[in-house]
Amino acid sequence: MISVLVSCASPTKFNEYEEGAWDIRAMIRDKRAAKSALVNVDAVARKPDQLRMDFSTSIGMELGYFILNRDKVSYYLAKTNKKRQVNASPRAMRPLIHTDLDPYLLVKILFDEEPKGKHWQCERDEKGFLSKCNNSNKKISLQWLKRKSQQRAIEVETPSARIQLSLKGFRSKVETSADTFQI
């Protein structure tokens, strides 16, 4: 009985899963405009390059969605009622979060995996979990602020934005349809 209680309190090793779904609360701060937005996100991801994030306000109004499907990024913004599909690149994220951020990095963050590339350097805590990652070339930092069972708080900082992600409600078995990662 004691081992069950201890294992339930241990942080989840998200890198051991190939797919998952999360409930995320994101605080996005645009440093240049000095504005912040609090957004609810329903995220579904499949390694290594599929991600869908549906955005809504705290009262449930749809704001739009973002899809990474292999080498393409698609998104819809309810405010402008526009859909767009572009090549997957850091610039593709700018209309959504007002900063350049590699969309594949979001998949790495969700699954607690080290970002790839020669300019990334990461540190781990005493239990072997990621605690910090920095890309000195692109001036991007990731910091895991809190980790408890299936809950995490992660801060992503770029030169023009600070994004705080509060992740909870992880589900390892997700039902997807042919349209999940399509616009």
N, C-alpha and C. Protein backbone atom coordinates (compact mmCIF):
# COMPACT_ATOMS: atom_id res chain seq x y z
N MET A 1 0.81 -1.20 0.00
CA MET A 1 0.00 0.00 0.00
C MET A 1 0.86 1.26 0.00
N ILE A 2 1.93 1.25 0.78
CA ILE A 2 2.79 2.42 0.85
C ILE A 2 3.44 2.69 -0.50
N SER A 3 3.88 1.65 -1.22
CA SER A 3 4.53 1.85 -2.52
C SER A 3 3.58 2.46 -3.53
N VAL A 4 2.30 2.14 -3.43
CA VAL A 4 1.31 2.73 -4.33
C VAL A 4 1.20 4.22 -4.08
N LEU A 5 1.16 4.62 -2.82
CA LEU A 5 1.06 6.04 -2.48
C LEU A 5 2.30 6.80 -2.93
N VAL A 6 3.46 6.23 -2.75
CA VAL A 6 4.70 6.88 -3.14
C VAL A 6 4.77 7.02 -4.66
N SER A 7 4.40 5.96 -5.40
CA SER A 7 4.48 6.03 -6.86
C SER A 7 3.48 7.02 -7.44
N CYS A 8 2.34 7.19 -6.80
CA CYS A 8 1.35 8.16 -7.29
C CYS A 8 1.86 9.58 -7.15
N ALA A 9 2.66 9.84 -6.11
CA ALA A 9 3.16 11.19 -5.88
C ALA A 9 4.39 11.50 -6.72
N SER A 10 5.04 10.48 -7.27
CA SER A 10 6.24 10.69 -8.09
C SER A 10 5.87 11.39 -9.39
N PRO A 11 6.77 12.23 -9.89
CA PRO A 11 6.51 12.88 -11.18
C PRO A 11 6.41 11.86 -12.31
N THR A 12 5.56 12.14 -13.26
CA THR A 12 5.38 11.27 -14.42
C THR A 12 6.56 11.45 -15.37
N LYS A 13 7.01 10.35 -15.94
CA LYS A 13 8.07 10.39 -16.95
C LYS A 13 7.41 10.47 -18.32
N PHE A 14 7.09 11.68 -18.73
CA PHE A 14 6.36 11.91 -19.98
C PHE A 14 7.16 11.45 -21.21
N ASN A 15 8.48 11.43 -21.11
CA ASN A 15 9.29 11.01 -22.25
C ASN A 15 9.12 9.53 -22.59
N GLU A 16 8.50 8.76 -21.71
CA GLU A 16 8.27 7.35 -21.97
C GLU A 16 7.02 7.10 -22.82
N TYR A 17 6.24 8.12 -23.08
CA TYR A 17 5.01 7.99 -23.87
C TYR A 17 5.25 8.45 -25.30
N GLU A 18 4.49 7.88 -26.22
CA GLU A 18 4.57 8.25 -27.64
C GLU A 18 3.50 9.27 -28.02
N GLU A 19 2.43 9.33 -27.22
CA GLU A 19 1.36 10.29 -27.47
C GLU A 19 0.73 10.67 -26.14
N GLY A 20 -0.02 11.77 -26.16
CA GLY A 20 -0.66 12.19 -24.94
C GLY A 20 -1.56 13.39 -25.18
N ALA A 21 -2.35 13.70 -24.15
CA ALA A 21 -3.23 14.86 -24.18
C ALA A 21 -3.09 15.57 -22.84
N TRP A 22 -3.14 16.90 -22.88
CA TRP A 22 -2.97 17.72 -21.69
C TRP A 22 -4.00 18.84 -21.65
N ASP A 23 -4.34 19.26 -20.44
CA ASP A 23 -5.09 20.49 -20.21
C ASP A 23 -4.04 21.50 -19.77
N ILE A 24 -3.99 22.62 -20.47
CA ILE A 24 -2.94 23.61 -20.21
C ILE A 24 -3.59 24.97 -19.98
N ARG A 25 -3.03 25.67 -19.03
CA ARG A 25 -3.37 27.07 -18.83
C ARG A 25 -2.12 27.85 -19.16
N ALA A 26 -2.21 28.76 -20.09
CA ALA A 26 -1.03 29.50 -20.54
C ALA A 26 -1.18 30.99 -20.29
N MET A 27 -0.15 31.57 -19.71
CA MET A 27 -0.06 33.01 -19.57
C MET A 27 0.98 33.45 -20.59
N ILE A 28 0.54 34.22 -21.57
CA ILE A 28 1.42 34.67 -22.64
C ILE A 28 1.63 36.16 -22.49
N ARG A 29 2.88 36.53 -22.30
CA ARG A 29 3.22 37.95 -22.12
C ARG A 29 4.02 38.42 -23.32
N ASP A 30 3.46 39.37 -24.03
CA ASP A 30 4.14 40.02 -25.15
C ASP A 30 4.98 41.15 -24.55
N LYS A 31 6.29 40.97 -24.53
CA LYS A 31 7.18 41.97 -23.89
C LYS A 31 7.17 43.30 -24.63
N ARG A 32 7.10 43.25 -25.94
CA ARG A 32 7.16 44.49 -26.73
C ARG A 32 5.92 45.36 -26.52
N ALA A 33 4.76 44.73 -26.52
CA ALA A 33 3.51 45.47 -26.37
C ALA A 33 3.12 45.63 -24.90
N ALA A 34 3.84 44.97 -24.01
CA ALA A 34 3.54 45.00 -22.58
C ALA A 34 2.10 44.57 -22.31
N LYS A 35 1.69 43.48 -22.98
CA LYS A 35 0.35 42.92 -22.79
C LYS A 35 0.46 41.45 -22.42
N SER A 36 -0.56 40.99 -21.68
CA SER A 36 -0.62 39.58 -21.29
C SER A 36 -1.98 39.01 -21.63
N ALA A 37 -1.99 37.71 -21.86
CA ALA A 37 -3.25 37.01 -22.11
C ALA A 37 -3.22 35.68 -21.38
N LEU A 38 -4.34 35.33 -20.77
CA LEU A 38 -4.50 34.04 -20.12
C LEU A 38 -5.37 33.18 -21.02
N VAL A 39 -4.86 32.02 -21.40
CA VAL A 39 -5.52 31.18 -22.40
C VAL A 39 -5.60 29.74 -21.89
N ASN A 40 -6.74 29.11 -22.13
CA ASN A 40 -6.87 27.67 -21.87
C ASN A 40 -6.54 26.93 -23.16
N VAL A 41 -5.81 25.83 -23.03
CA VAL A 41 -5.37 25.08 -24.19
C VAL A 41 -5.66 23.60 -23.97
N ASP A 42 -6.31 22.99 -24.95
CA ASP A 42 -6.45 21.53 -24.99
C ASP A 42 -5.44 21.06 -26.01
N ALA A 43 -4.47 20.26 -25.56
CA ALA A 43 -3.38 19.83 -26.45
C ALA A 43 -3.37 18.32 -26.62
N VAL A 44 -3.13 17.89 -27.85
CA VAL A 44 -2.94 16.48 -28.18
C VAL A 44 -1.66 16.41 -28.99
N ALA A 45 -0.75 15.51 -28.61
CA ALA A 45 0.52 15.41 -29.31
C ALA A 45 0.89 13.95 -29.55
N ARG A 46 1.60 13.76 -30.65
CA ARG A 46 2.14 12.45 -31.00
C ARG A 46 3.58 12.68 -31.46
N LYS A 47 4.52 11.98 -30.86
CA LYS A 47 5.93 12.12 -31.23
C LYS A 47 6.14 11.67 -32.66
N PRO A 48 7.06 12.26 -33.38
CA PRO A 48 7.90 13.38 -33.01
C PRO A 48 7.39 14.72 -33.51
N ASP A 49 6.33 14.70 -34.34
CA ASP A 49 6.03 15.94 -35.08
C ASP A 49 4.54 16.19 -35.33
N GLN A 50 3.70 15.79 -34.39
CA GLN A 50 2.28 16.09 -34.53
C GLN A 50 1.76 16.69 -33.23
N LEU A 51 1.06 17.81 -33.38
CA LEU A 51 0.54 18.53 -32.22
C LEU A 51 -0.70 19.31 -32.64
N ARG A 52 -1.72 19.25 -31.82
CA ARG A 52 -2.90 20.09 -32.00
C ARG A 52 -3.16 20.79 -30.69
N MET A 53 -3.34 22.12 -30.77
CA MET A 53 -3.66 22.91 -29.59
C MET A 53 -4.89 23.76 -29.91
N ASP A 54 -5.96 23.55 -29.15
CA ASP A 54 -7.19 24.34 -29.28
C ASP A 54 -7.19 25.36 -28.15
N PHE A 55 -7.33 26.64 -28.52
CA PHE A 55 -7.27 27.74 -27.57
C PHE A 55 -8.65 28.28 -27.26
N SER A 56 -8.88 28.63 -25.98
CA SER A 56 -10.13 29.27 -25.59
C SER A 56 -9.87 30.22 -24.42
N THR A 57 -10.83 31.11 -24.18
CA THR A 57 -10.72 32.03 -23.05
C THR A 57 -11.07 31.28 -21.77
N SER A 58 -10.88 31.92 -20.65
CA SER A 58 -11.20 31.29 -19.37
C SER A 58 -12.69 31.01 -19.21
N ILE A 59 -13.55 31.68 -20.00
CA ILE A 59 -14.99 31.39 -19.94
C ILE A 59 -15.44 30.49 -21.09
N GLY A 60 -14.47 29.95 -21.84
CA GLY A 60 -14.79 28.95 -22.85
C GLY A 60 -15.02 29.44 -24.27
N MET A 61 -14.80 30.71 -24.54
CA MET A 61 -14.96 31.21 -25.92
C MET A 61 -13.78 30.75 -26.77
N GLU A 62 -14.08 30.22 -27.95
CA GLU A 62 -13.05 29.74 -28.85
C GLU A 62 -12.20 30.90 -29.37
N LEU A 63 -10.89 30.71 -29.29
CA LEU A 63 -9.96 31.70 -29.84
C LEU A 63 -9.32 31.21 -31.14
N GLY A 64 -9.22 29.90 -31.27
CA GLY A 64 -8.63 29.34 -32.47
C GLY A 64 -7.92 28.03 -32.18
N TYR A 65 -7.13 27.59 -33.16
CA TYR A 65 -6.36 26.37 -32.96
C TYR A 65 -5.09 26.43 -33.78
N PHE A 66 -4.18 25.55 -33.40
CA PHE A 66 -2.87 25.43 -34.02
C PHE A 66 -2.62 23.95 -34.26
N ILE A 67 -2.10 23.62 -35.44
CA ILE A 67 -1.79 22.22 -35.75
C ILE A 67 -0.40 22.14 -36.37
N LEU A 68 0.42 21.27 -35.82
CA LEU A 68 1.69 20.90 -36.41
C LEU A 68 1.50 19.48 -36.93
N ASN A 69 1.68 19.29 -38.21
CA ASN A 69 1.57 17.96 -38.81
C ASN A 69 2.77 17.75 -39.72
N ARG A 70 3.76 17.10 -39.16
CA ARG A 70 5.03 16.82 -39.83
C ARG A 70 5.76 18.10 -40.23
N ASP A 71 5.69 18.53 -41.46
CA ASP A 71 6.44 19.72 -41.88
C ASP A 71 5.55 20.93 -42.17
N LYS A 72 4.28 20.86 -41.77
CA LYS A 72 3.34 21.96 -41.99
C LYS A 72 2.72 22.43 -40.68
N VAL A 73 2.45 23.72 -40.63
CA VAL A 73 1.73 24.32 -39.52
C VAL A 73 0.45 24.92 -40.08
N SER A 74 -0.66 24.62 -39.43
CA SER A 74 -1.94 25.21 -39.81
C SER A 74 -2.50 25.89 -38.57
N TYR A 75 -3.20 26.97 -38.79
CA TYR A 75 -3.86 27.59 -37.66
C TYR A 75 -5.10 28.35 -38.11
N TYR A 76 -5.97 28.54 -37.14
CA TYR A 76 -7.21 29.28 -37.34
C TYR A 76 -7.33 30.27 -36.19
N LEU A 77 -7.60 31.51 -36.53
CA LEU A 77 -7.83 32.55 -35.52
C LEU A 77 -9.28 33.00 -35.61
N ALA A 78 -10.05 32.78 -34.56
CA ALA A 78 -11.47 33.14 -34.56
C ALA A 78 -11.68 34.65 -34.71
N LYS A 79 -10.78 35.42 -34.15
CA LYS A 79 -10.90 36.88 -34.19
C LYS A 79 -10.94 37.42 -35.63
N THR A 80 -10.14 36.84 -36.49
CA THR A 80 -10.09 37.27 -37.89
C THR A 80 -10.81 36.31 -38.83
N ASN A 81 -11.24 35.18 -38.28
CA ASN A 81 -11.92 34.13 -39.06
C ASN A 81 -11.06 33.68 -40.25
N LYS A 82 -9.74 33.60 -40.02
CA LYS A 82 -8.81 33.19 -41.08
C LYS A 82 -8.13 31.87 -40.74
N LYS A 83 -8.02 31.03 -41.77
CA LYS A 83 -7.25 29.79 -41.68
C LYS A 83 -6.01 29.98 -42.53
N ARG A 84 -4.92 29.39 -42.06
CA ARG A 84 -3.68 29.53 -42.81
C ARG A 84 -2.85 28.28 -42.64
N GLN A 85 -2.13 27.91 -43.69
CA GLN A 85 -1.20 26.80 -43.62
C GLN A 85 0.15 27.26 -44.18
N VAL A 86 1.22 27.00 -43.42
CA VAL A 86 2.56 27.42 -43.80
C VAL A 86 3.54 26.29 -43.46
N ASN A 87 4.76 26.43 -43.94
CA ASN A 87 5.81 25.48 -43.58
C ASN A 87 6.12 25.62 -42.10
N ALA A 88 6.41 24.50 -41.46
CA ALA A 88 6.75 24.51 -40.04
C ALA A 88 8.09 25.22 -39.85
N SER A 89 8.06 26.31 -39.11
CA SER A 89 9.27 27.07 -38.81
C SER A 89 8.98 27.93 -37.57
N PRO A 90 10.01 28.45 -36.93
CA PRO A 90 9.76 29.33 -35.78
C PRO A 90 8.88 30.53 -36.12
N ARG A 91 9.01 31.05 -37.32
CA ARG A 91 8.21 32.21 -37.72
C ARG A 91 6.71 31.89 -37.80
N ALA A 92 6.36 30.63 -38.01
CA ALA A 92 4.96 30.22 -38.12
C ALA A 92 4.19 30.48 -36.82
N MET A 93 4.89 30.57 -35.69
CA MET A 93 4.23 30.77 -34.40
C MET A 93 3.92 32.24 -34.11
N ARG A 94 4.53 33.14 -34.84
CA ARG A 94 4.40 34.57 -34.56
C ARG A 94 2.96 35.07 -34.51
N PRO A 95 2.06 34.70 -35.44
CA PRO A 95 0.68 35.21 -35.36
C PRO A 95 -0.07 34.77 -34.09
N LEU A 96 0.37 33.67 -33.49
CA LEU A 96 -0.32 33.14 -32.32
C LEU A 96 0.24 33.67 -31.00
N ILE A 97 1.56 33.71 -30.88
CA ILE A 97 2.16 34.08 -29.59
C ILE A 97 3.12 35.26 -29.69
N HIS A 98 3.13 35.94 -30.81
CA HIS A 98 3.92 37.17 -31.00
C HIS A 98 5.41 36.99 -30.78
N THR A 99 5.91 35.80 -31.08
CA THR A 99 7.34 35.52 -31.01
C THR A 99 7.66 34.36 -31.94
N ASP A 100 8.91 34.27 -32.32
CA ASP A 100 9.36 33.14 -33.12
C ASP A 100 9.73 32.01 -32.17
N LEU A 101 9.11 30.86 -32.36
CA LEU A 101 9.38 29.70 -31.51
C LEU A 101 9.18 28.45 -32.35
N ASP A 102 10.18 27.62 -32.38
CA ASP A 102 10.12 26.39 -33.16
C ASP A 102 8.93 25.54 -32.70
N PRO A 103 7.97 25.22 -33.58
CA PRO A 103 6.81 24.44 -33.16
C PRO A 103 7.17 23.04 -32.68
N TYR A 104 8.26 22.48 -33.17
CA TYR A 104 8.71 21.16 -32.70
C TYR A 104 9.17 21.23 -31.26
N LEU A 105 9.61 22.41 -30.82
CA LEU A 105 10.03 22.59 -29.43
C LEU A 105 8.85 22.37 -28.48
N LEU A 106 7.66 22.74 -28.91
CA LEU A 106 6.47 22.53 -28.07
C LEU A 106 6.23 21.04 -27.80
N VAL A 107 6.45 20.21 -28.81
CA VAL A 107 6.31 18.76 -28.64
C VAL A 107 7.36 18.27 -27.64
N LYS A 108 8.59 18.75 -27.77
CA LYS A 108 9.66 18.37 -26.84
C LYS A 108 9.30 18.77 -25.41
N ILE A 109 8.75 19.97 -25.23
CA ILE A 109 8.37 20.43 -23.90
C ILE A 109 7.28 19.54 -23.31
N LEU A 110 6.26 19.22 -24.08
CA LEU A 110 5.17 18.39 -23.57
C LEU A 110 5.66 17.02 -23.11
N PHE A 111 6.60 16.45 -23.85
CA PHE A 111 7.11 15.12 -23.51
C PHE A 111 8.38 15.16 -22.67
N ASP A 112 8.73 16.32 -22.12
CA ASP A 112 9.92 16.46 -21.27
C ASP A 112 11.18 15.90 -21.95
N GLU A 113 11.40 16.27 -23.18
CA GLU A 113 12.59 15.83 -23.90
C GLU A 113 13.49 17.02 -24.18
N GLU A 114 14.79 16.76 -24.21
CA GLU A 114 15.75 17.82 -24.50
C GLU A 114 15.59 18.31 -25.93
N PRO A 115 15.60 19.61 -26.13
CA PRO A 115 15.57 20.15 -27.49
C PRO A 115 16.82 19.72 -28.25
N LYS A 116 16.66 19.53 -29.54
CA LYS A 116 17.78 19.12 -30.40
C LYS A 116 18.46 20.36 -30.96
N GLY A 117 19.74 20.25 -31.23
CA GLY A 117 20.49 21.35 -31.82
C GLY A 117 21.75 21.63 -31.03
N LYS A 118 22.76 22.13 -31.73
CA LYS A 118 24.06 22.31 -31.08
C LYS A 118 24.09 23.46 -30.07
N HIS A 119 23.15 24.37 -30.10
CA HIS A 119 23.19 25.51 -29.18
C HIS A 119 22.37 25.28 -27.91
N TRP A 120 21.71 24.13 -27.79
CA TRP A 120 20.92 23.85 -26.60
C TRP A 120 21.80 23.20 -25.53
N GLN A 121 21.66 23.69 -24.30
CA GLN A 121 22.31 23.09 -23.15
C GLN A 121 21.26 22.95 -22.06
N CYS A 122 21.18 21.75 -21.48
CA CYS A 122 20.15 21.48 -20.47
C CYS A 122 20.76 21.01 -19.16
N GLU A 123 20.04 21.26 -18.10
CA GLU A 123 20.39 20.78 -16.76
C GLU A 123 19.25 19.91 -16.25
N ARG A 124 19.60 18.97 -15.39
CA ARG A 124 18.61 18.08 -14.78
C ARG A 124 18.65 18.21 -13.27
N ASP A 125 17.52 17.89 -12.63
CA ASP A 125 17.48 17.94 -11.17
C ASP A 125 18.05 16.63 -10.60
N GLU A 126 18.01 16.51 -9.28
CA GLU A 126 18.59 15.34 -8.61
C GLU A 126 17.88 14.03 -8.96
N LYS A 127 16.65 14.10 -9.47
CA LYS A 127 15.92 12.89 -9.86
C LYS A 127 16.05 12.58 -11.35
N GLY A 128 16.81 13.41 -12.06
CA GLY A 128 17.04 13.16 -13.48
C GLY A 128 16.05 13.84 -14.42
N PHE A 129 15.15 14.66 -13.88
CA PHE A 129 14.18 15.37 -14.71
C PHE A 129 14.80 16.69 -15.21
N LEU A 130 14.38 17.12 -16.38
CA LEU A 130 14.84 18.41 -16.90
C LEU A 130 14.45 19.53 -15.95
N SER A 131 15.38 20.46 -15.71
CA SER A 131 15.07 21.61 -14.87
C SER A 131 15.27 22.92 -15.63
N LYS A 132 16.24 22.95 -16.56
CA LYS A 132 16.50 24.16 -17.35
C LYS A 132 17.10 23.76 -18.69
N CYS A 133 16.75 24.52 -19.72
CA CYS A 133 17.39 24.40 -21.03
C CYS A 133 17.56 25.80 -21.58
N ASN A 134 18.71 26.05 -22.19
CA ASN A 134 18.99 27.36 -22.77
C ASN A 134 19.56 27.20 -24.16
N ASN A 135 19.14 28.09 -25.04
CA ASN A 135 19.72 28.18 -26.37
C ASN A 135 20.35 29.58 -26.44
N SER A 136 21.66 29.63 -26.27
CA SER A 136 22.35 30.92 -26.22
C SER A 136 22.33 31.63 -27.57
N ASN A 137 22.27 30.89 -28.65
CA ASN A 137 22.25 31.47 -29.98
C ASN A 137 20.93 32.20 -30.26
N LYS A 138 19.80 31.58 -29.90
CA LYS A 138 18.48 32.17 -30.16
C LYS A 138 17.91 32.89 -28.95
N LYS A 139 18.64 32.87 -27.85
CA LYS A 139 18.22 33.54 -26.60
C LYS A 139 16.84 33.03 -26.13
N ILE A 140 16.73 31.71 -26.10
CA ILE A 140 15.50 31.06 -25.62
C ILE A 140 15.86 30.25 -24.38
N SER A 141 15.04 30.37 -23.35
CA SER A 141 15.26 29.55 -22.15
C SER A 141 13.97 28.85 -21.76
N LEU A 142 14.14 27.66 -21.24
CA LEU A 142 13.04 26.86 -20.71
C LEU A 142 13.38 26.57 -19.26
N GLN A 143 12.38 26.70 -18.39
CA GLN A 143 12.61 26.40 -16.99
C GLN A 143 11.40 25.68 -16.43
N TRP A 144 11.65 24.52 -15.82
CA TRP A 144 10.59 23.76 -15.18
C TRP A 144 10.48 24.30 -13.76
N LEU A 145 9.39 25.01 -13.48
CA LEU A 145 9.21 25.69 -12.20
C LEU A 145 8.64 24.77 -11.13
N LYS A 146 7.83 23.81 -11.55
CA LYS A 146 7.15 22.92 -10.60
C LYS A 146 6.92 21.59 -11.29
N ARG A 147 7.02 20.53 -10.51
CA ARG A 147 6.78 19.20 -11.06
C ARG A 147 6.22 18.34 -9.92
N LYS A 148 4.98 17.88 -10.09
CA LYS A 148 4.35 17.05 -9.07
C LYS A 148 3.39 16.10 -9.76
N SER A 149 3.62 14.82 -9.62
CA SER A 149 2.80 13.79 -10.24
C SER A 149 2.67 14.09 -11.74
N GLN A 150 1.46 14.35 -12.21
CA GLN A 150 1.25 14.65 -13.63
C GLN A 150 1.14 16.14 -13.90
N GLN A 151 1.43 16.96 -12.92
CA GLN A 151 1.33 18.41 -13.09
C GLN A 151 2.73 19.02 -13.22
N ARG A 152 2.82 20.02 -14.11
CA ARG A 152 4.08 20.73 -14.30
C ARG A 152 3.79 22.19 -14.57
N ALA A 153 4.75 23.01 -14.21
CA ALA A 153 4.72 24.43 -14.59
C ALA A 153 6.04 24.70 -15.30
N ILE A 154 5.94 25.24 -16.51
CA ILE A 154 7.12 25.46 -17.34
C ILE A 154 7.07 26.89 -17.86
N GLU A 155 8.21 27.55 -17.83
CA GLU A 155 8.31 28.90 -18.37
C GLU A 155 9.20 28.87 -19.61
N VAL A 156 8.70 29.48 -20.68
CA VAL A 156 9.44 29.61 -21.93
C VAL A 156 9.69 31.10 -22.12
N GLU A 157 10.96 31.46 -22.25
CA GLU A 157 11.30 32.87 -22.43
C GLU A 157 12.05 33.05 -23.73
N THR A 158 11.59 34.01 -24.53
CA THR A 158 12.25 34.40 -25.77
C THR A 158 12.55 35.90 -25.65
N PRO A 159 13.29 36.47 -26.59
CA PRO A 159 13.54 37.90 -26.49
C PRO A 159 12.27 38.77 -26.48
N SER A 160 11.18 38.29 -27.08
CA SER A 160 9.98 39.13 -27.16
C SER A 160 8.77 38.59 -26.38
N ALA A 161 8.89 37.43 -25.74
CA ALA A 161 7.74 36.88 -25.02
C ALA A 161 8.17 36.03 -23.83
N ARG A 162 7.27 35.96 -22.87
CA ARG A 162 7.41 35.03 -21.74
C ARG A 162 6.10 34.25 -21.68
N ILE A 163 6.22 32.93 -21.72
CA ILE A 163 5.05 32.07 -21.72
C ILE A 163 5.15 31.13 -20.53
N GLN A 164 4.16 31.16 -19.67
CA GLN A 164 4.12 30.26 -18.54
C GLN A 164 3.02 29.24 -18.79
N LEU A 165 3.41 27.98 -18.76
CA LEU A 165 2.49 26.88 -19.03
C LEU A 165 2.24 26.09 -17.76
N SER A 166 0.98 25.92 -17.43
CA SER A 166 0.60 25.07 -16.30
C SER A 166 -0.11 23.87 -16.90
N LEU A 167 0.55 22.72 -16.86
CA LEU A 167 0.03 21.50 -17.49
C LEU A 167 -0.54 20.57 -16.44
N LYS A 168 -1.70 20.02 -16.74
CA LYS A 168 -2.33 19.04 -15.85
C LYS A 168 -3.24 18.15 -16.68
N GLY A 169 -3.90 17.22 -16.03
CA GLY A 169 -4.89 16.39 -16.71
C GLY A 169 -4.32 15.53 -17.82
N PHE A 170 -3.12 14.99 -17.65
CA PHE A 170 -2.48 14.18 -18.69
C PHE A 170 -3.25 12.88 -18.92
N ARG A 171 -3.43 12.57 -20.20
CA ARG A 171 -4.02 11.29 -20.62
C ARG A 171 -3.08 10.67 -21.64
N SER A 172 -2.64 9.45 -21.37
CA SER A 172 -1.69 8.79 -22.27
C SER A 172 -2.38 8.12 -23.45
N LYS A 173 -3.62 7.77 -23.29
CA LYS A 173 -4.38 7.15 -24.38
C LYS A 173 -5.30 8.22 -24.96
N VAL A 174 -5.07 8.57 -26.21
CA VAL A 174 -5.89 9.58 -26.84
C VAL A 174 -6.53 9.01 -28.09
N GLU A 175 -7.78 9.39 -28.28
CA GLU A 175 -8.48 8.98 -29.50
C GLU A 175 -8.37 10.10 -30.49
N THR A 176 -7.80 9.79 -31.63
CA THR A 176 -7.66 10.78 -32.69
C THR A 176 -8.38 10.27 -33.93
N SER A 177 -8.82 11.21 -34.73
CA SER A 177 -9.45 10.87 -36.00
C SER A 177 -8.52 11.31 -37.12
N ALA A 178 -8.91 11.06 -38.33
CA ALA A 178 -8.12 11.49 -39.49
C ALA A 178 -8.00 13.00 -39.54
N ASP A 179 -8.93 13.71 -38.92
CA ASP A 179 -8.94 15.18 -38.95
C ASP A 179 -8.19 15.85 -37.80
N THR A 180 -7.75 15.08 -36.81
CA THR A 180 -7.13 15.67 -35.62
C THR A 180 -5.96 16.57 -35.99
N PHE A 181 -5.10 16.13 -36.87
CA PHE A 181 -3.92 16.91 -37.24
C PHE A 181 -4.04 17.52 -38.64
N GLN A 182 -5.28 17.83 -39.02
CA GLN A 182 -5.57 18.46 -40.31
C GLN A 182 -6.36 19.74 -40.08
N ILE A 183 -6.25 20.68 -41.00
CA ILE A 183 -7.00 21.93 -40.91
C ILE A 183 -8.42 21.70 -41.41
